[in-house]
Amino acid sequence: MSLTKTEEQLMEYLWQKEKVFMKDLIECFPDPKPATTTVATLLKRMQEKGFVAYKLYGNSREYYPLVEKTAYFSKQVNGMIKNFFNDSVAQFGSFFARDTSMTTSELEALRNIIDEEIKRKQNG
């Protein structure tokens, strides 16, 4: 299950804050701030999807994420690879390296990351 773009933005604030009350969550948004009811509706949908939970303090709810950011985005990227690149990581890598506007230094940095990961997996 995935989030809408608006839910992802809200989730990003939750990941940054880790635990946050509604009023503080609304403060994270740029002006014009969304209505409290809008954020409450989003949080309820995200709670139903299993992404968010809360702890009750009197009448106030302290919200926190149930899904780690890396786990969510890893699943999203894997879904994109499956849907757009015939489940081929090599095709995805080829597209990423050739058809994006990465500079030589960015490609070299990416290669270094990949080389380090290969070493880690070979030794691990």
N, C-alpha and C. Protein backbone atom coordinates (compact mmCIF):
# COMPACT_ATOMS: atom_id res chain seq x y z
N MET A 1 0.84 -1.19 0.00
CA MET A 1 0.00 0.00 0.00
C MET A 1 0.89 1.24 0.00
N SER A 2 0.43 2.24 -0.71
CA SER A 2 1.25 3.44 -0.81
C SER A 2 0.47 4.67 -0.36
N LEU A 3 1.17 5.76 -0.30
CA LEU A 3 0.61 7.04 0.13
C LEU A 3 0.43 7.96 -1.07
N THR A 4 -0.52 8.88 -0.95
CA THR A 4 -0.66 9.93 -1.96
C THR A 4 0.49 10.92 -1.76
N LYS A 5 0.68 11.81 -2.71
CA LYS A 5 1.75 12.82 -2.58
C LYS A 5 1.55 13.67 -1.33
N THR A 6 0.31 14.04 -1.05
CA THR A 6 0.02 14.87 0.13
C THR A 6 0.31 14.08 1.40
N GLU A 7 -0.07 12.81 1.42
CA GLU A 7 0.22 11.96 2.58
C GLU A 7 1.73 11.77 2.75
N GLU A 8 2.46 11.64 1.64
CA GLU A 8 3.91 11.52 1.71
C GLU A 8 4.53 12.77 2.33
N GLN A 9 4.01 13.94 1.95
CA GLN A 9 4.53 15.19 2.53
C GLN A 9 4.30 15.20 4.04
N LEU A 10 3.11 14.80 4.45
CA LEU A 10 2.79 14.76 5.88
C LEU A 10 3.66 13.71 6.58
N MET A 11 3.86 12.59 5.94
CA MET A 11 4.69 11.53 6.50
C MET A 11 6.13 12.01 6.66
N GLU A 12 6.60 12.80 5.71
CA GLU A 12 7.96 13.35 5.80
C GLU A 12 8.11 14.17 7.08
N TYR A 13 7.12 14.97 7.41
CA TYR A 13 7.16 15.76 8.65
C TYR A 13 7.16 14.83 9.87
N LEU A 14 6.37 13.76 9.80
CA LEU A 14 6.34 12.80 10.91
C LEU A 14 7.70 12.11 11.07
N TRP A 15 8.32 11.75 9.96
CA TRP A 15 9.65 11.13 10.05
C TRP A 15 10.65 12.10 10.65
N GLN A 16 10.56 13.37 10.29
CA GLN A 16 11.49 14.38 10.82
C GLN A 16 11.30 14.57 12.32
N LYS A 17 10.04 14.65 12.75
CA LYS A 17 9.73 14.96 14.15
C LYS A 17 9.73 13.73 15.04
N GLU A 18 9.45 12.56 14.48
CA GLU A 18 9.33 11.27 15.16
C GLU A 18 8.08 11.17 16.02
N LYS A 19 7.82 12.14 16.85
CA LYS A 19 6.58 12.21 17.64
C LYS A 19 6.13 13.66 17.62
N VAL A 20 4.83 13.88 17.33
CA VAL A 20 4.41 15.26 17.18
C VAL A 20 2.89 15.40 17.41
N PHE A 21 2.52 16.50 18.04
CA PHE A 21 1.11 16.83 18.23
C PHE A 21 0.60 17.55 16.99
N MET A 22 -0.70 17.52 16.78
CA MET A 22 -1.34 18.10 15.60
C MET A 22 -0.91 19.55 15.35
N LYS A 23 -0.96 20.41 16.37
CA LYS A 23 -0.64 21.83 16.18
C LYS A 23 0.80 22.00 15.70
N ASP A 24 1.72 21.18 16.21
CA ASP A 24 3.12 21.26 15.80
C ASP A 24 3.31 20.70 14.39
N LEU A 25 2.51 19.72 14.04
CA LEU A 25 2.56 19.15 12.70
C LEU A 25 2.10 20.17 11.67
N ILE A 26 1.04 20.88 11.98
CA ILE A 26 0.53 21.92 11.07
C ILE A 26 1.57 23.02 10.88
N GLU A 27 2.32 23.33 11.92
CA GLU A 27 3.37 24.36 11.84
C GLU A 27 4.48 23.98 10.85
N CYS A 28 4.64 22.69 10.58
CA CYS A 28 5.67 22.23 9.63
C CYS A 28 5.35 22.65 8.21
N PHE A 29 4.07 22.83 7.90
CA PHE A 29 3.66 23.17 6.53
C PHE A 29 3.98 24.62 6.21
N PRO A 30 4.30 24.87 4.95
CA PRO A 30 4.50 26.27 4.53
C PRO A 30 3.15 26.99 4.49
N ASP A 31 3.19 28.31 4.49
CA ASP A 31 1.95 29.09 4.36
C ASP A 31 1.43 28.99 2.94
N PRO A 32 0.16 28.96 2.71
CA PRO A 32 -0.91 28.93 3.71
C PRO A 32 -1.02 27.55 4.35
N LYS A 33 -1.13 27.52 5.67
CA LYS A 33 -1.23 26.28 6.43
C LYS A 33 -2.54 25.57 6.09
N PRO A 34 -2.51 24.24 6.05
CA PRO A 34 -3.75 23.50 5.81
C PRO A 34 -4.66 23.58 7.04
N ALA A 35 -5.94 23.36 6.81
CA ALA A 35 -6.90 23.36 7.92
C ALA A 35 -6.64 22.15 8.81
N THR A 36 -6.92 22.31 10.09
CA THR A 36 -6.77 21.21 11.04
C THR A 36 -7.58 20.00 10.59
N THR A 37 -8.78 20.24 10.09
CA THR A 37 -9.64 19.13 9.65
C THR A 37 -9.01 18.37 8.48
N THR A 38 -8.33 19.09 7.60
CA THR A 38 -7.65 18.45 6.46
C THR A 38 -6.55 17.53 6.96
N VAL A 39 -5.73 18.02 7.85
CA VAL A 39 -4.63 17.22 8.39
C VAL A 39 -5.19 16.04 9.19
N ALA A 40 -6.25 16.27 9.94
CA ALA A 40 -6.87 15.19 10.71
C ALA A 40 -7.39 14.09 9.79
N THR A 41 -8.00 14.48 8.67
CA THR A 41 -8.49 13.50 7.69
C THR A 41 -7.34 12.71 7.10
N LEU A 42 -6.27 13.39 6.73
CA LEU A 42 -5.09 12.71 6.19
C LEU A 42 -4.51 11.73 7.20
N LEU A 43 -4.39 12.16 8.44
CA LEU A 43 -3.84 11.29 9.48
C LEU A 43 -4.73 10.07 9.71
N LYS A 44 -6.05 10.28 9.65
CA LYS A 44 -6.97 9.14 9.83
C LYS A 44 -6.79 8.13 8.70
N ARG A 45 -6.69 8.61 7.45
CA ARG A 45 -6.47 7.71 6.31
C ARG A 45 -5.13 6.98 6.44
N MET A 46 -4.11 7.72 6.87
CA MET A 46 -2.79 7.12 7.02
C MET A 46 -2.77 6.10 8.16
N GLN A 47 -3.57 6.36 9.16
CA GLN A 47 -3.70 5.42 10.27
C GLN A 47 -4.38 4.13 9.78
N GLU A 48 -5.43 4.28 8.98
CA GLU A 48 -6.14 3.13 8.43
C GLU A 48 -5.24 2.30 7.51
N LYS A 49 -4.30 2.96 6.85
CA LYS A 49 -3.36 2.28 5.96
C LYS A 49 -2.21 1.63 6.75
N GLY A 50 -2.11 1.93 8.04
CA GLY A 50 -1.06 1.34 8.87
C GLY A 50 0.26 2.08 8.87
N PHE A 51 0.24 3.37 8.51
CA PHE A 51 1.47 4.16 8.46
C PHE A 51 1.68 5.00 9.72
N VAL A 52 0.61 5.33 10.41
CA VAL A 52 0.66 6.27 11.53
C VAL A 52 -0.15 5.72 12.69
N ALA A 53 0.31 6.04 13.90
CA ALA A 53 -0.46 5.74 15.11
C ALA A 53 -0.35 6.96 16.02
N TYR A 54 -1.06 6.91 17.13
CA TYR A 54 -0.98 8.02 18.07
C TYR A 54 -1.13 7.52 19.49
N LYS A 55 -0.66 8.35 20.40
CA LYS A 55 -0.82 8.11 21.82
C LYS A 55 -1.66 9.25 22.36
N LEU A 56 -2.66 8.93 23.14
CA LEU A 56 -3.59 9.93 23.65
C LEU A 56 -3.10 10.50 24.98
N TYR A 57 -3.05 11.82 25.07
CA TYR A 57 -2.73 12.55 26.29
C TYR A 57 -3.90 13.48 26.57
N GLY A 58 -4.85 13.06 27.39
CA GLY A 58 -6.07 13.84 27.61
C GLY A 58 -6.84 13.91 26.30
N ASN A 59 -7.02 15.13 25.77
CA ASN A 59 -7.70 15.31 24.49
C ASN A 59 -6.74 15.46 23.32
N SER A 60 -5.46 15.41 23.60
CA SER A 60 -4.45 15.62 22.56
C SER A 60 -3.85 14.29 22.10
N ARG A 61 -3.62 14.21 20.81
CA ARG A 61 -3.00 13.02 20.23
C ARG A 61 -1.58 13.33 19.79
N GLU A 62 -0.66 12.50 20.23
CA GLU A 62 0.73 12.61 19.78
C GLU A 62 0.92 11.53 18.71
N TYR A 63 1.14 11.99 17.48
CA TYR A 63 1.26 11.09 16.34
C TYR A 63 2.70 10.65 16.14
N TYR A 64 2.86 9.44 15.63
CA TYR A 64 4.20 8.92 15.32
C TYR A 64 4.09 7.93 14.16
N PRO A 65 5.17 7.82 13.37
CA PRO A 65 5.15 6.91 12.22
C PRO A 65 5.30 5.45 12.66
N LEU A 66 4.63 4.57 11.95
CA LEU A 66 4.76 3.13 12.18
C LEU A 66 5.70 2.49 11.15
N VAL A 67 5.99 3.23 10.09
CA VAL A 67 6.82 2.73 9.00
C VAL A 67 8.07 3.60 8.91
N GLU A 68 9.23 2.96 8.81
CA GLU A 68 10.47 3.72 8.65
C GLU A 68 10.56 4.29 7.24
N LYS A 69 11.18 5.44 7.14
CA LYS A 69 11.33 6.12 5.85
C LYS A 69 12.06 5.24 4.84
N THR A 70 13.17 4.65 5.24
CA THR A 70 13.93 3.82 4.30
C THR A 70 13.12 2.62 3.83
N ALA A 71 12.36 2.01 4.72
CA ALA A 71 11.54 0.86 4.33
C ALA A 71 10.47 1.28 3.33
N TYR A 72 9.85 2.42 3.56
CA TYR A 72 8.80 2.91 2.64
C TYR A 72 9.37 3.19 1.26
N PHE A 73 10.46 3.94 1.21
CA PHE A 73 11.01 4.31 -0.09
C PHE A 73 11.65 3.13 -0.81
N SER A 74 12.19 2.20 -0.07
CA SER A 74 12.72 0.99 -0.68
C SER A 74 11.60 0.23 -1.38
N LYS A 75 10.47 0.13 -0.73
CA LYS A 75 9.32 -0.56 -1.33
C LYS A 75 8.82 0.20 -2.56
N GLN A 76 8.81 1.53 -2.49
CA GLN A 76 8.37 2.34 -3.62
C GLN A 76 9.31 2.16 -4.82
N VAL A 77 10.61 2.19 -4.56
CA VAL A 77 11.58 2.03 -5.65
C VAL A 77 11.47 0.63 -6.25
N ASN A 78 11.34 -0.38 -5.41
CA ASN A 78 11.19 -1.74 -5.92
C ASN A 78 9.93 -1.88 -6.77
N GLY A 79 8.86 -1.22 -6.37
CA GLY A 79 7.63 -1.23 -7.16
C GLY A 79 7.82 -0.54 -8.50
N MET A 80 8.55 0.56 -8.50
CA MET A 80 8.83 1.28 -9.73
C MET A 80 9.68 0.42 -10.67
N ILE A 81 10.67 -0.25 -10.12
CA ILE A 81 11.52 -1.13 -10.94
C ILE A 81 10.67 -2.24 -11.54
N LYS A 82 9.78 -2.80 -10.75
CA LYS A 82 8.92 -3.88 -11.25
C LYS A 82 7.98 -3.37 -12.34
N ASN A 83 7.35 -2.23 -12.11
CA ASN A 83 6.33 -1.72 -13.03
C ASN A 83 6.88 -1.05 -14.28
N PHE A 84 8.00 -0.36 -14.17
CA PHE A 84 8.50 0.43 -15.29
C PHE A 84 9.74 -0.14 -15.97
N PHE A 85 10.41 -1.08 -15.31
CA PHE A 85 11.66 -1.60 -15.86
C PHE A 85 11.66 -3.13 -15.93
N ASN A 86 10.47 -3.71 -16.12
CA ASN A 86 10.32 -5.16 -16.27
C ASN A 86 11.00 -5.94 -15.15
N ASP A 87 10.95 -5.40 -13.95
CA ASP A 87 11.54 -6.03 -12.77
C ASP A 87 13.05 -6.24 -12.92
N SER A 88 13.68 -5.38 -13.71
CA SER A 88 15.12 -5.48 -13.97
C SER A 88 15.86 -4.31 -13.32
N VAL A 89 16.64 -4.63 -12.31
CA VAL A 89 17.44 -3.60 -11.65
C VAL A 89 18.48 -3.05 -12.64
N ALA A 90 19.00 -3.91 -13.52
CA ALA A 90 19.98 -3.47 -14.51
C ALA A 90 19.37 -2.43 -15.45
N GLN A 91 18.13 -2.65 -15.90
CA GLN A 91 17.47 -1.66 -16.77
C GLN A 91 17.26 -0.34 -16.02
N PHE A 92 16.88 -0.46 -14.77
CA PHE A 92 16.71 0.74 -13.94
C PHE A 92 18.03 1.49 -13.81
N GLY A 93 19.11 0.76 -13.51
CA GLY A 93 20.42 1.38 -13.36
C GLY A 93 20.88 2.04 -14.65
N SER A 94 20.61 1.38 -15.76
CA SER A 94 20.98 1.93 -17.06
C SER A 94 20.23 3.23 -17.32
N PHE A 95 18.94 3.22 -17.09
CA PHE A 95 18.13 4.44 -17.25
C PHE A 95 18.65 5.54 -16.33
N PHE A 96 18.87 5.19 -15.09
CA PHE A 96 19.31 6.15 -14.08
C PHE A 96 20.63 6.80 -14.48
N ALA A 97 21.56 5.99 -14.99
CA ALA A 97 22.88 6.50 -15.35
C ALA A 97 22.88 7.28 -16.66
N ARG A 98 22.07 6.84 -17.64
CA ARG A 98 22.11 7.45 -18.97
C ARG A 98 21.08 8.55 -19.19
N ASP A 99 19.90 8.37 -18.65
CA ASP A 99 18.79 9.25 -19.02
C ASP A 99 18.42 10.27 -17.96
N THR A 100 19.29 10.47 -17.00
CA THR A 100 19.08 11.54 -16.03
C THR A 100 20.23 12.53 -16.20
N SER A 101 20.13 13.64 -15.55
CA SER A 101 21.13 14.70 -15.74
C SER A 101 22.24 14.63 -14.69
N MET A 102 22.70 13.42 -14.40
CA MET A 102 23.77 13.26 -13.42
C MET A 102 25.10 13.74 -14.00
N THR A 103 25.87 14.42 -13.18
CA THR A 103 27.19 14.87 -13.59
C THR A 103 28.19 13.72 -13.48
N THR A 104 29.34 13.91 -14.04
CA THR A 104 30.39 12.89 -13.95
C THR A 104 30.73 12.61 -12.49
N SER A 105 30.85 13.65 -11.69
CA SER A 105 31.20 13.44 -10.28
C SER A 105 30.08 12.71 -9.53
N GLU A 106 28.83 12.98 -9.87
CA GLU A 106 27.72 12.25 -9.24
C GLU A 106 27.73 10.78 -9.65
N LEU A 107 28.02 10.50 -10.92
CA LEU A 107 28.12 9.11 -11.38
C LEU A 107 29.28 8.40 -10.69
N GLU A 108 30.41 9.08 -10.53
CA GLU A 108 31.55 8.49 -9.83
C GLU A 108 31.22 8.20 -8.37
N ALA A 109 30.52 9.11 -7.73
CA ALA A 109 30.10 8.90 -6.34
C ALA A 109 29.17 7.70 -6.25
N LEU A 110 28.25 7.58 -7.20
CA LEU A 110 27.34 6.44 -7.23
C LEU A 110 28.12 5.14 -7.44
N ARG A 111 29.09 5.17 -8.34
CA ARG A 111 29.92 3.99 -8.58
C ARG A 111 30.66 3.60 -7.31
N ASN A 112 31.17 4.56 -6.57
CA ASN A 112 31.87 4.27 -5.31
C ASN A 112 30.93 3.61 -4.30
N ILE A 113 29.71 4.10 -4.23
CA ILE A 113 28.72 3.51 -3.32
C ILE A 113 28.46 2.05 -3.72
N ILE A 114 28.29 1.82 -5.01
CA ILE A 114 28.02 0.46 -5.51
C ILE A 114 29.23 -0.44 -5.24
N ASP A 115 30.44 0.06 -5.51
CA ASP A 115 31.65 -0.73 -5.26
C ASP A 115 31.77 -1.11 -3.79
N GLU A 116 31.48 -0.17 -2.89
CA GLU A 116 31.54 -0.44 -1.45
C GLU A 116 30.50 -1.49 -1.05
N GLU A 117 29.32 -1.39 -1.63
CA GLU A 117 28.26 -2.36 -1.31
C GLU A 117 28.63 -3.75 -1.82
N ILE A 118 29.25 -3.83 -2.99
CA ILE A 118 29.71 -5.12 -3.53
C ILE A 118 30.75 -5.74 -2.58
N LYS A 119 31.71 -4.94 -2.14
CA LYS A 119 32.72 -5.43 -1.20
C LYS A 119 32.09 -5.92 0.09
N ARG A 120 31.14 -5.14 0.60
CA ARG A 120 30.48 -5.51 1.85
C ARG A 120 29.75 -6.83 1.71
N LYS A 121 29.06 -7.02 0.61
CA LYS A 121 28.30 -8.26 0.40
C LYS A 121 29.21 -9.45 0.13
N GLN A 122 30.33 -9.23 -0.52
CA GLN A 122 31.29 -10.31 -0.77
C GLN A 122 31.97 -10.78 0.52
N ASN A 123 32.17 -9.83 1.44
CA ASN A 123 32.85 -10.16 2.70
C ASN A 123 31.88 -10.55 3.80
N GLY A 124 30.62 -10.32 3.58
CA GLY A 124 29.66 -10.48 4.64
C GLY A 124 29.00 -11.77 4.75
